[in-house]
Amino acid sequence: MTSATYKVTGMTCEHCVRAVTGELTALAGVSDVIVDLVPGGLSAVTVTSDGPLSATEVTAALDEAGDYRLAAS
């Protein structure tokens, strides 16, 4: 198992948390998603999965969930 934390912009409420959690959980190998919501700021999204996820996979899941983006590193 591996765990990675991503900084995500655009999240403002519990609806955002549910949308992002649902799309990331749907990715192959993902077993858990924990969101530390910072409304209007950089929310920390920790994903536990069988192996590392690509930035493309995470970006696509965030896009599918709504107007959420990975913050620039």
PDB file of N, CA and C in Angstrom:
ATOM      1  N   MET A   1       0.832  -1.174   0.000  1.00  0.00           N
ATOM      2  CA  MET A   1       0.000   0.000   0.000  1.00  0.00           C
ATOM      3  C   MET A   1       0.887   1.251   0.000  1.00  0.00           C
ATOM      4  N   THR A   2       0.378   2.252  -0.674  1.00  0.00           N
ATOM      5  CA  THR A   2       1.075   3.532  -0.705  1.00  0.00           C
ATOM      6  C   THR A   2       0.076   4.644  -0.415  1.00  0.00           C
ATOM      7  N   SER A   3       0.582   5.719   0.138  1.00  0.00           N
ATOM      8  CA  SER A   3      -0.267   6.850   0.473  1.00  0.00           C
ATOM      9  C   SER A   3       0.383   8.115  -0.076  1.00  0.00           C
ATOM     10  N   ALA A   4      -0.431   8.983  -0.670  1.00  0.00           N
ATOM     11  CA  ALA A   4       0.076  10.248  -1.210  1.00  0.00           C
ATOM     12  C   ALA A   4      -0.911  11.351  -0.857  1.00  0.00           C
ATOM     13  N   THR A   5      -0.381  12.527  -0.539  1.00  0.00           N
ATOM     14  CA  THR A   5      -1.225  13.666  -0.220  1.00  0.00           C
ATOM     15  C   THR A   5      -1.079  14.712  -1.318  1.00  0.00           C
ATOM     16  N   TYR A   6      -2.219  15.165  -1.811  1.00  0.00           N
ATOM     17  CA  TYR A   6      -2.272  16.159  -2.878  1.00  0.00           C
ATOM     18  C   TYR A   6      -2.905  17.427  -2.342  1.00  0.00           C
ATOM     19  N   LYS A   7      -2.415  18.576  -2.772  1.00  0.00           N
ATOM     20  CA  LYS A   7      -3.024  19.858  -2.451  1.00  0.00           C
ATOM     21  C   LYS A   7      -3.989  20.185  -3.584  1.00  0.00           C
ATOM     22  N   VAL A   8      -5.252  20.434  -3.221  1.00  0.00           N
ATOM     23  CA  VAL A   8      -6.307  20.631  -4.210  1.00  0.00           C
ATOM     24  C   VAL A   8      -6.983  21.986  -4.000  1.00  0.00           C
ATOM     25  N   THR A   9      -7.183  22.712  -5.091  1.00  0.00           N
ATOM     26  CA  THR A   9      -7.876  23.993  -5.036  1.00  0.00           C
ATOM     27  C   THR A   9      -9.326  23.824  -5.487  1.00  0.00           C
ATOM     28  N   GLY A  10     -10.166  24.780  -5.100  1.00  0.00           N
ATOM     29  CA  GLY A  10     -11.542  24.806  -5.576  1.00  0.00           C
ATOM     30  C   GLY A  10     -12.562  24.160  -4.660  1.00  0.00           C
ATOM     31  N   MET A  11     -12.123  23.553  -3.586  1.00  0.00           N
ATOM     32  CA  MET A  11     -13.050  22.890  -2.675  1.00  0.00           C
ATOM     33  C   MET A  11     -13.555  23.897  -1.641  1.00  0.00           C
ATOM     34  N   THR A  12     -14.892  23.934  -1.457  1.00  0.00           N
ATOM     35  CA  THR A  12     -15.454  24.920  -0.540  1.00  0.00           C
ATOM     36  C   THR A  12     -16.394  24.343   0.512  1.00  0.00           C
ATOM     37  N   CYS A  13     -16.869  23.095   0.315  1.00  0.00           N
ATOM     38  CA  CYS A  13     -17.897  22.572   1.224  1.00  0.00           C
ATOM     39  C   CYS A  13     -17.877  21.041   1.252  1.00  0.00           C
ATOM     40  N   GLU A  14     -18.778  20.475   2.055  1.00  0.00           N
ATOM     41  CA  GLU A  14     -18.860  19.016   2.169  1.00  0.00           C
ATOM     42  C   GLU A  14     -19.298  18.362   0.853  1.00  0.00           C
ATOM     43  N   HIS A  15     -20.073  19.064   0.038  1.00  0.00           N
ATOM     44  CA  HIS A  15     -20.436  18.522  -1.283  1.00  0.00           C
ATOM     45  C   HIS A  15     -19.173  18.303  -2.105  1.00  0.00           C
ATOM     46  N   CYS A  16     -18.259  19.252  -2.053  1.00  0.00           N
ATOM     47  CA  CYS A  16     -16.979  19.124  -2.765  1.00  0.00           C
ATOM     48  C   CYS A  16     -16.212  17.906  -2.257  1.00  0.00           C
ATOM     49  N   VAL A  17     -16.195  17.732  -0.943  1.00  0.00           N
ATOM     50  CA  VAL A  17     -15.500  16.587  -0.340  1.00  0.00           C
ATOM     51  C   VAL A  17     -16.085  15.286  -0.871  1.00  0.00           C
ATOM     52  N   ARG A  18     -17.414  15.182  -0.894  1.00  0.00           N
ATOM     53  CA  ARG A  18     -18.060  13.954  -1.376  1.00  0.00           C
ATOM     54  C   ARG A  18     -17.775  13.708  -2.855  1.00  0.00           C
ATOM     55  N   ALA A  19     -17.806  14.766  -3.657  1.00  0.00           N
ATOM     56  CA  ALA A  19     -17.559  14.619  -5.098  1.00  0.00           C
ATOM     57  C   ALA A  19     -16.136  14.139  -5.362  1.00  0.00           C
ATOM     58  N   VAL A  20     -15.160  14.780  -4.723  1.00  0.00           N
ATOM     59  CA  VAL A  20     -13.752  14.416  -4.924  1.00  0.00           C
ATOM     60  C   VAL A  20     -13.487  13.013  -4.384  1.00  0.00           C
ATOM     61  N   THR A  21     -14.012  12.724  -3.199  1.00  0.00           N
ATOM     62  CA  THR A  21     -13.819  11.398  -2.604  1.00  0.00           C
ATOM     63  C   THR A  21     -14.397  10.309  -3.509  1.00  0.00           C
ATOM     64  N   GLY A  22     -15.580  10.537  -4.039  1.00  0.00           N
ATOM     65  CA  GLY A  22     -16.219   9.551  -4.903  1.00  0.00           C
ATOM     66  C   GLY A  22     -15.425   9.260  -6.164  1.00  0.00           C
ATOM     67  N   GLU A  23     -14.947  10.304  -6.813  1.00  0.00           N
ATOM     68  CA  GLU A  23     -14.190  10.102  -8.067  1.00  0.00           C
ATOM     69  C   GLU A  23     -12.832   9.457  -7.809  1.00  0.00           C
ATOM     70  N   LEU A  24     -12.149   9.858  -6.751  1.00  0.00           N
ATOM     71  CA  LEU A  24     -10.840   9.260  -6.464  1.00  0.00           C
ATOM     72  C   LEU A  24     -10.987   7.811  -6.005  1.00  0.00           C
ATOM     73  N   THR A  25     -12.014   7.523  -5.225  1.00  0.00           N
ATOM     74  CA  THR A  25     -12.247   6.156  -4.761  1.00  0.00           C
ATOM     75  C   THR A  25     -12.548   5.219  -5.927  1.00  0.00           C
ATOM     76  N   ALA A  26     -13.106   5.760  -7.006  1.00  0.00           N
ATOM     77  CA  ALA A  26     -13.436   4.951  -8.179  1.00  0.00           C
ATOM     78  C   ALA A  26     -12.205   4.530  -8.990  1.00  0.00           C
ATOM     79  N   LEU A  27     -11.061   5.158  -8.740  1.00  0.00           N
ATOM     80  CA  LEU A  27      -9.843   4.782  -9.467  1.00  0.00           C
ATOM     81  C   LEU A  27      -9.385   3.391  -9.036  1.00  0.00           C
ATOM     82  N   ALA A  28      -8.875   2.630  -9.983  1.00  0.00           N
ATOM     83  CA  ALA A  28      -8.405   1.273  -9.705  1.00  0.00           C
ATOM     84  C   ALA A  28      -7.322   1.283  -8.631  1.00  0.00           C
ATOM     85  N   GLY A  29      -7.495   0.425  -7.636  1.00  0.00           N
ATOM     86  CA  GLY A  29      -6.491   0.256  -6.595  1.00  0.00           C
ATOM     87  C   GLY A  29      -6.631   1.188  -5.408  1.00  0.00           C
ATOM     88  N   VAL A  30      -7.516   2.177  -5.483  1.00  0.00           N
ATOM     89  CA  VAL A  30      -7.674   3.120  -4.372  1.00  0.00           C
ATOM     90  C   VAL A  30      -8.548   2.489  -3.293  1.00  0.00           C
ATOM     91  N   SER A  31      -8.044   2.497  -2.051  1.00  0.00           N
ATOM     92  CA  SER A  31      -8.778   1.894  -0.942  1.00  0.00           C
ATOM     93  C   SER A  31      -9.310   2.919   0.047  1.00  0.00           C
ATOM     94  N   ASP A  32      -8.731   4.138   0.055  1.00  0.00           N
ATOM     95  CA  ASP A  32      -9.185   5.139   1.019  1.00  0.00           C
ATOM     96  C   ASP A  32      -8.830   6.535   0.525  1.00  0.00           C
ATOM     97  N   VAL A  33      -9.710   7.497   0.831  1.00  0.00           N
ATOM     98  CA  VAL A  33      -9.478   8.905   0.518  1.00  0.00           C
ATOM     99  C   VAL A  33      -9.890   9.702   1.744  1.00  0.00           C
ATOM    100  N   ILE A  34      -8.989  10.548   2.228  1.00  0.00           N
ATOM    101  CA  ILE A  34      -9.276  11.417   3.366  1.00  0.00           C
ATOM    102  C   ILE A  34      -9.031  12.847   2.927  1.00  0.00           C
ATOM    103  N   VAL A  35     -10.018  13.717   3.164  1.00  0.00           N
ATOM    104  CA  VAL A  35      -9.922  15.118   2.765  1.00  0.00           C
ATOM    105  C   VAL A  35      -9.885  16.004   3.998  1.00  0.00           C
ATOM    106  N   ASP A  36      -8.879  16.879   4.060  1.00  0.00           N
ATOM    107  CA  ASP A  36      -8.809  17.916   5.084  1.00  0.00           C
ATOM    108  C   ASP A  36      -9.237  19.205   4.386  1.00  0.00           C
ATOM    109  N   LEU A  37     -10.524  19.521   4.489  1.00  0.00           N
ATOM    110  CA  LEU A  37     -11.121  20.643   3.771  1.00  0.00           C
ATOM    111  C   LEU A  37     -10.656  21.984   4.324  1.00  0.00           C
ATOM    112  N   VAL A  38     -10.160  22.838   3.427  1.00  0.00           N
ATOM    113  CA  VAL A  38      -9.844  24.223   3.725  1.00  0.00           C
ATOM    114  C   VAL A  38     -10.643  25.048   2.719  1.00  0.00           C
ATOM    115  N   PRO A  39     -11.853  25.479   3.108  1.00  0.00           N
ATOM    116  CA  PRO A  39     -12.742  26.171   2.161  1.00  0.00           C
ATOM    117  C   PRO A  39     -12.062  27.359   1.481  1.00  0.00           C
ATOM    118  N   GLY A  40     -12.016  27.317   0.145  1.00  0.00           N
ATOM    119  CA  GLY A  40     -11.425  28.393  -0.632  1.00  0.00           C
ATOM    120  C   GLY A  40      -9.909  28.419  -0.624  1.00  0.00           C
ATOM    121  N   GLY A  41      -9.280  27.462   0.051  1.00  0.00           N
ATOM    122  CA  GLY A  41      -7.816  27.413   0.121  1.00  0.00           C
ATOM    123  C   GLY A  41      -7.287  26.128  -0.486  1.00  0.00           C
ATOM    124  N   LEU A  42      -6.175  25.660   0.047  1.00  0.00           N
ATOM    125  CA  LEU A  42      -5.571  24.409  -0.419  1.00  0.00           C
ATOM    126  C   LEU A  42      -5.995  23.275   0.509  1.00  0.00           C
ATOM    127  N   SER A  43      -6.878  22.441   0.039  1.00  0.00           N
ATOM    128  CA  SER A  43      -7.318  21.291   0.816  1.00  0.00           C
ATOM    129  C   SER A  43      -6.336  20.146   0.607  1.00  0.00           C
ATOM    130  N   ALA A  44      -6.040  19.423   1.680  1.00  0.00           N
ATOM    131  CA  ALA A  44      -5.150  18.257   1.595  1.00  0.00           C
ATOM    132  C   ALA A  44      -6.002  17.017   1.358  1.00  0.00           C
ATOM    133  N   VAL A  45      -5.688  16.304   0.281  1.00  0.00           N
ATOM    134  CA  VAL A  45      -6.420  15.089  -0.069  1.00  0.00           C
ATOM    135  C   VAL A  45      -5.417  13.933  -0.031  1.00  0.00           C
ATOM    136  N   THR A  46      -5.602  13.033   0.925  1.00  0.00           N
ATOM    137  CA  THR A  46      -4.700  11.896   1.078  1.00  0.00           C
ATOM    138  C   THR A  46      -5.359  10.656   0.495  1.00  0.00           C
ATOM    139  N   VAL A  47      -4.652  10.023  -0.443  1.00  0.00           N
ATOM    140  CA  VAL A  47      -5.173   8.854  -1.149  1.00  0.00           C
ATOM    141  C   VAL A  47      -4.297   7.647  -0.820  1.00  0.00           C
ATOM    142  N   THR A  48      -4.935   6.574  -0.376  1.00  0.00           N
ATOM    143  CA  THR A  48      -4.241   5.315  -0.121  1.00  0.00           C
ATOM    144  C   THR A  48      -4.618   4.360  -1.245  1.00  0.00           C
ATOM    145  N   SER A  49      -3.588   3.768  -1.867  1.00  0.00           N
ATOM    146  CA  SER A  49      -3.834   2.888  -3.008  1.00  0.00           C
ATOM    147  C   SER A  49      -2.809   1.757  -3.042  1.00  0.00           C
ATOM    148  N   ASP A  50      -3.084   0.792  -3.918  1.00  0.00           N
ATOM    149  CA  ASP A  50      -2.180  -0.354  -4.060  1.00  0.00           C
ATOM    150  C   ASP A  50      -0.808   0.073  -4.550  1.00  0.00           C
ATOM    151  N   GLY A  51      -0.759   1.101  -5.374  1.00  0.00           N
ATOM    152  CA  GLY A  51       0.496   1.604  -5.926  1.00  0.00           C
ATOM    153  C   GLY A  51       0.348   3.084  -6.224  1.00  0.00           C
ATOM    154  N   PRO A  52       1.429   3.727  -6.643  1.00  0.00           N
ATOM    155  CA  PRO A  52       1.371   5.162  -6.935  1.00  0.00           C
ATOM    156  C   PRO A  52       0.385   5.469  -8.069  1.00  0.00           C
ATOM    157  N   LEU A  53      -0.305   6.591  -7.937  1.00  0.00           N
ATOM    158  CA  LEU A  53      -1.200   7.071  -8.987  1.00  0.00           C
ATOM    159  C   LEU A  53      -0.460   8.116  -9.813  1.00  0.00           C
ATOM    160  N   SER A  54      -0.752   8.178 -11.087  1.00  0.00           N
ATOM    161  CA  SER A  54      -0.123   9.206 -11.915  1.00  0.00           C
ATOM    162  C   SER A  54      -0.856  10.521 -11.714  1.00  0.00           C
ATOM    163  N   ALA A  55      -0.160  11.616 -11.960  1.00  0.00           N
ATOM    164  CA  ALA A  55      -0.780  12.941 -11.870  1.00  0.00           C
ATOM    165  C   ALA A  55      -1.938  13.041 -12.861  1.00  0.00           C
ATOM    166  N   THR A  56      -1.813  12.372 -13.988  1.00  0.00           N
ATOM    167  CA  THR A  56      -2.875  12.380 -14.998  1.00  0.00           C
ATOM    168  C   THR A  56      -4.144  11.734 -14.458  1.00  0.00           C
ATOM    169  N   GLU A  57      -4.013  10.611 -13.760  1.00  0.00           N
ATOM    170  CA  GLU A  57      -5.177   9.929 -13.180  1.00  0.00           C
ATOM    171  C   GLU A  57      -5.869  10.816 -12.144  1.00  0.00           C
ATOM    172  N   VAL A  58      -5.074  11.417 -11.272  1.00  0.00           N
ATOM    173  CA  VAL A  58      -5.623  12.259 -10.214  1.00  0.00           C
ATOM    174  C   VAL A  58      -6.283  13.492 -10.818  1.00  0.00           C
ATOM    175  N   THR A  59      -5.618  14.127 -11.781  1.00  0.00           N
ATOM    176  CA  THR A  59      -6.165  15.313 -12.436  1.00  0.00           C
ATOM    177  C   THR A  59      -7.485  14.996 -13.129  1.00  0.00           C
ATOM    178  N   ALA A  60      -7.554  13.864 -13.811  1.00  0.00           N
ATOM    179  CA  ALA A  60      -8.781  13.470 -14.510  1.00  0.00           C
ATOM    180  C   ALA A  60      -9.916  13.222 -13.517  1.00  0.00           C
ATOM    181  N   ALA A  61      -9.622  12.598 -12.390  1.00  0.00           N
ATOM    182  CA  ALA A  61     -10.647  12.342 -11.374  1.00  0.00           C
ATOM    183  C   ALA A  61     -11.154  13.652 -10.784  1.00  0.00           C
ATOM    184  N   LEU A  62     -10.255  14.587 -10.510  1.00  0.00           N
ATOM    185  CA  LEU A  62     -10.657  15.892  -9.974  1.00  0.00           C
ATOM    186  C   LEU A  62     -11.514  16.644 -10.984  1.00  0.00           C
ATOM    187  N   ASP A  63     -11.141  16.571 -12.255  1.00  0.00           N
ATOM    188  CA  ASP A  63     -11.905  17.238 -13.303  1.00  0.00           C
ATOM    189  C   ASP A  63     -13.308  16.640 -13.412  1.00  0.00           C
ATOM    190  N   GLU A  64     -13.397  15.332 -13.297  1.00  0.00           N
ATOM    191  CA  GLU A  64     -14.692  14.657 -13.367  1.00  0.00           C
ATOM    192  C   GLU A  64     -15.578  15.041 -12.178  1.00  0.00           C
ATOM    193  N   ALA A  65     -14.956  15.278 -11.026  1.00  0.00           N
ATOM    194  CA  ALA A  65     -15.704  15.637  -9.819  1.00  0.00           C
ATOM    195  C   ALA A  65     -16.250  17.059  -9.884  1.00  0.00           C
ATOM    196  N   GLY A  66     -15.580  17.936 -10.615  1.00  0.00           N
ATOM    197  CA  GLY A  66     -16.003  19.337 -10.698  1.00  0.00           C
ATOM    198  C   GLY A  66     -14.833  20.224 -11.047  1.00  0.00           C
ATOM    199  N   ASP A  67     -14.890  21.464 -10.615  1.00  0.00           N
ATOM    200  CA  ASP A  67     -13.861  22.442 -10.945  1.00  0.00           C
ATOM    201  C   ASP A  67     -12.757  22.438  -9.883  1.00  0.00           C
ATOM    202  N   TYR A  68     -12.117  21.283  -9.728  1.00  0.00           N
ATOM    203  CA  TYR A  68     -11.060  21.119  -8.726  1.00  0.00           C
ATOM    204  C   TYR A  68      -9.744  20.872  -9.451  1.00  0.00           C
ATOM    205  N   ARG A  69      -8.671  21.413  -8.911  1.00  0.00           N
ATOM    206  CA  ARG A  69      -7.371  21.308  -9.572  1.00  0.00           C
ATOM    207  C   ARG A  69      -6.272  20.981  -8.559  1.00  0.00           C
ATOM    208  N   LEU A  70      -5.260  20.257  -9.037  1.00  0.00           N
ATOM    209  CA  LEU A  70      -4.064  20.072  -8.229  1.00  0.00           C
ATOM    210  C   LEU A  70      -3.330  21.397  -8.157  1.00  0.00           C
ATOM    211  N   ALA A  71      -2.881  21.752  -6.970  1.00  0.00           N
ATOM    212  CA  ALA A  71      -2.110  22.982  -6.812  1.00  0.00           C
ATOM    213  C   ALA A  71      -0.711  22.751  -7.357  1.00  0.00           C
ATOM    214  N   ALA A  72      -0.133  23.794  -7.923  1.00  0.00           N
ATOM    215  CA  ALA A  72       1.243  23.700  -8.434  1.00  0.00           C
ATOM    216  C   ALA A  72       2.181  23.417  -7.275  1.00  0.00           C
ATOM    217  N   SER A  73       3.137  22.565  -7.503  1.00  0.00           N
ATOM    218  CA  SER A  73       4.088  22.196  -6.444  1.00  0.00           C
ATOM    219  C   SER A  73       5.095  23.292  -6.199  1.00  0.00           C
TER     220      SER A  73
END
